[in-house]
Amino acid sequence: MKNTFTNPRKPIKMALCSLFGHKYSITKKITNFVNEYKCACCYQEVSEGSNGKLELLTKKNREINQCLRNFFQKRNQRLNTSRL
């Protein structure tokens, strides 16, 4: 049998967030306009979608954000070196 540890307080925290709202803080800055957020209470992770609304951070969204971040970092490096 597989032993899994579950936090008994997480459902309580999730209920509090559903009642009072999440307390999001920025965890990653993808571009100047796109960020990843994490709730300080229930640890739910979200990201800004293509329409500007917050979406749950799934594996697919993580991969998209990582590619986007790499693209903009390379682009900014190229722009900064050409200015010198």
C-alpha atoms as a PDB file:
ATOM      1  CA  MET A   1       0.000   0.000   0.000  1.00  0.00           C
ATOM      2  CA  LYS A   2       1.102   3.505  -0.721  1.00  0.00           C
ATOM      3  CA  ASN A   3       1.253   5.801   2.269  1.00  0.00           C
ATOM      4  CA  THR A   4       0.355   9.386   1.484  1.00  0.00           C
ATOM      5  CA  PHE A   5       0.545  12.284   3.864  1.00  0.00           C
ATOM      6  CA  THR A   6      -2.394  14.639   3.719  1.00  0.00           C
ATOM      7  CA  ASN A   7      -2.569  17.893   5.566  1.00  0.00           C
ATOM      8  CA  PRO A   8      -5.781  17.893   7.643  1.00  0.00           C
ATOM      9  CA  ARG A   9      -5.837  21.712   7.732  1.00  0.00           C
ATOM     10  CA  LYS A  10      -5.807  22.197   3.956  1.00  0.00           C
ATOM     11  CA  PRO A  11      -9.597  21.716   3.508  1.00  0.00           C
ATOM     12  CA  ILE A  12     -10.143  24.296   6.243  1.00  0.00           C
ATOM     13  CA  LYS A  13      -7.797  26.755   4.532  1.00  0.00           C
ATOM     14  CA  MET A  14      -9.457  26.119   1.183  1.00  0.00           C
ATOM     15  CA  ALA A  15     -12.843  26.817   2.750  1.00  0.00           C
ATOM     16  CA  LEU A  16     -11.539  30.085   4.200  1.00  0.00           C
ATOM     17  CA  CYS A  17     -10.210  31.108   0.788  1.00  0.00           C
ATOM     18  CA  SER A  18     -13.519  30.280  -0.851  1.00  0.00           C
ATOM     19  CA  LEU A  19     -15.328  32.469   1.689  1.00  0.00           C
ATOM     20  CA  PHE A  20     -12.965  35.430   1.987  1.00  0.00           C
ATOM     21  CA  GLY A  21     -10.922  35.212  -1.216  1.00  0.00           C
ATOM     22  CA  HIS A  22      -7.360  34.216  -1.949  1.00  0.00           C
ATOM     23  CA  LYS A  23      -4.263  36.132  -0.858  1.00  0.00           C
ATOM     24  CA  TYR A  24      -2.127  35.868  -4.002  1.00  0.00           C
ATOM     25  CA  SER A  25       1.518  36.842  -4.131  1.00  0.00           C
ATOM     26  CA  ILE A  26       3.770  36.834  -7.204  1.00  0.00           C
ATOM     27  CA  THR A  27       6.035  33.780  -7.383  1.00  0.00           C
ATOM     28  CA  LYS A  28       7.453  34.184 -10.906  1.00  0.00           C
ATOM     29  CA  LYS A  29       7.599  37.123 -13.250  1.00  0.00           C
ATOM     30  CA  ILE A  30       7.279  35.635 -16.752  1.00  0.00           C
ATOM     31  CA  THR A  31       7.218  38.887 -18.742  1.00  0.00           C
ATOM     32  CA  ASN A  32       6.391  42.490 -17.926  1.00  0.00           C
ATOM     33  CA  PHE A  33       2.692  41.646 -18.153  1.00  0.00           C
ATOM     34  CA  VAL A  34       2.404  37.935 -17.261  1.00  0.00           C
ATOM     35  CA  ASN A  35       3.009  36.607 -13.742  1.00  0.00           C
ATOM     36  CA  GLU A  36       2.496  33.412 -11.762  1.00  0.00           C
ATOM     37  CA  TYR A  37       0.801  33.722  -8.389  1.00  0.00           C
ATOM     38  CA  LYS A  38       0.453  31.511  -5.307  1.00  0.00           C
ATOM     39  CA  CYS A  39      -2.095  31.847  -2.523  1.00  0.00           C
ATOM     40  CA  ALA A  40      -0.419  32.365   0.859  1.00  0.00           C
ATOM     41  CA  CYS A  41      -3.177  30.459   2.636  1.00  0.00           C
ATOM     42  CA  CYS A  42      -4.150  27.403   0.553  1.00  0.00           C
ATOM     43  CA  TYR A  43      -1.093  27.313  -1.810  1.00  0.00           C
ATOM     44  CA  GLN A  44      -3.222  27.310  -4.960  1.00  0.00           C
ATOM     45  CA  GLU A  45      -1.163  28.365  -7.993  1.00  0.00           C
ATOM     46  CA  VAL A  46      -2.599  30.447 -10.823  1.00  0.00           C
ATOM     47  CA  SER A  47      -1.286  32.333 -13.837  1.00  0.00           C
ATOM     48  CA  GLU A  48      -2.611  35.017 -16.120  1.00  0.00           C
ATOM     49  CA  GLY A  49      -4.073  33.574 -19.293  1.00  0.00           C
ATOM     50  CA  SER A  50      -4.125  34.991 -22.797  1.00  0.00           C
ATOM     51  CA  ASN A  51      -7.269  36.971 -21.977  1.00  0.00           C
ATOM     52  CA  GLY A  52      -5.758  38.502 -18.803  1.00  0.00           C
ATOM     53  CA  LYS A  53      -7.843  36.478 -16.364  1.00  0.00           C
ATOM     54  CA  LEU A  54      -6.394  34.160 -13.739  1.00  0.00           C
ATOM     55  CA  GLU A  55      -6.339  30.461 -14.647  1.00  0.00           C
ATOM     56  CA  LEU A  56      -5.261  27.444 -12.633  1.00  0.00           C
ATOM     57  CA  LEU A  57      -1.629  26.600 -13.225  1.00  0.00           C
ATOM     58  CA  THR A  58      -1.683  23.214 -14.939  1.00  0.00           C
ATOM     59  CA  LYS A  59       1.261  21.318 -16.386  1.00  0.00           C
ATOM     60  CA  LYS A  60       0.453  22.677 -19.841  1.00  0.00           C
ATOM     61  CA  ASN A  61       0.303  26.274 -18.565  1.00  0.00           C
ATOM     62  CA  ARG A  62       3.626  25.808 -16.745  1.00  0.00           C
ATOM     63  CA  GLU A  63       5.288  24.643 -19.973  1.00  0.00           C
ATOM     64  CA  ILE A  64       3.806  27.552 -21.918  1.00  0.00           C
ATOM     65  CA  ASN A  65       4.992  30.044 -19.286  1.00  0.00           C
ATOM     66  CA  GLN A  66       8.485  28.509 -19.243  1.00  0.00           C
ATOM     67  CA  CYS A  67       8.797  28.781 -23.041  1.00  0.00           C
ATOM     68  CA  LEU A  68       7.464  32.341 -22.950  1.00  0.00           C
ATOM     69  CA  ARG A  69       9.909  33.275 -20.194  1.00  0.00           C
ATOM     70  CA  ASN A  70      12.870  31.783 -22.095  1.00  0.00           C
ATOM     71  CA  PHE A  71      11.828  33.617 -25.266  1.00  0.00           C
ATOM     72  CA  PHE A  72      11.615  37.001 -23.564  1.00  0.00           C
ATOM     73  CA  GLN A  73      14.881  36.511 -21.657  1.00  0.00           C
ATOM     74  CA  LYS A  74      16.726  35.714 -24.900  1.00  0.00           C
ATOM     75  CA  ARG A  75      15.029  38.630 -26.648  1.00  0.00           C
ATOM     76  CA  ASN A  76      15.980  41.065 -23.882  1.00  0.00           C
ATOM     77  CA  GLN A  77      19.580  39.815 -23.860  1.00  0.00           C
ATOM     78  CA  ARG A  78      19.790  40.304 -27.620  1.00  0.00           C
ATOM     79  CA  LEU A  79      18.338  43.829 -27.363  1.00  0.00           C
ATOM     80  CA  ASN A  80      20.683  44.797 -24.523  1.00  0.00           C
ATOM     81  CA  THR A  81      23.799  43.562 -26.334  1.00  0.00           C
ATOM     82  CA  SER A  82      22.861  45.352 -29.560  1.00  0.00           C
ATOM     83  CA  ARG A  83      22.509  48.673 -27.703  1.00  0.00           C
ATOM     84  CA  LEU A  84      26.066  48.540 -26.389  1.00  0.00           C
END
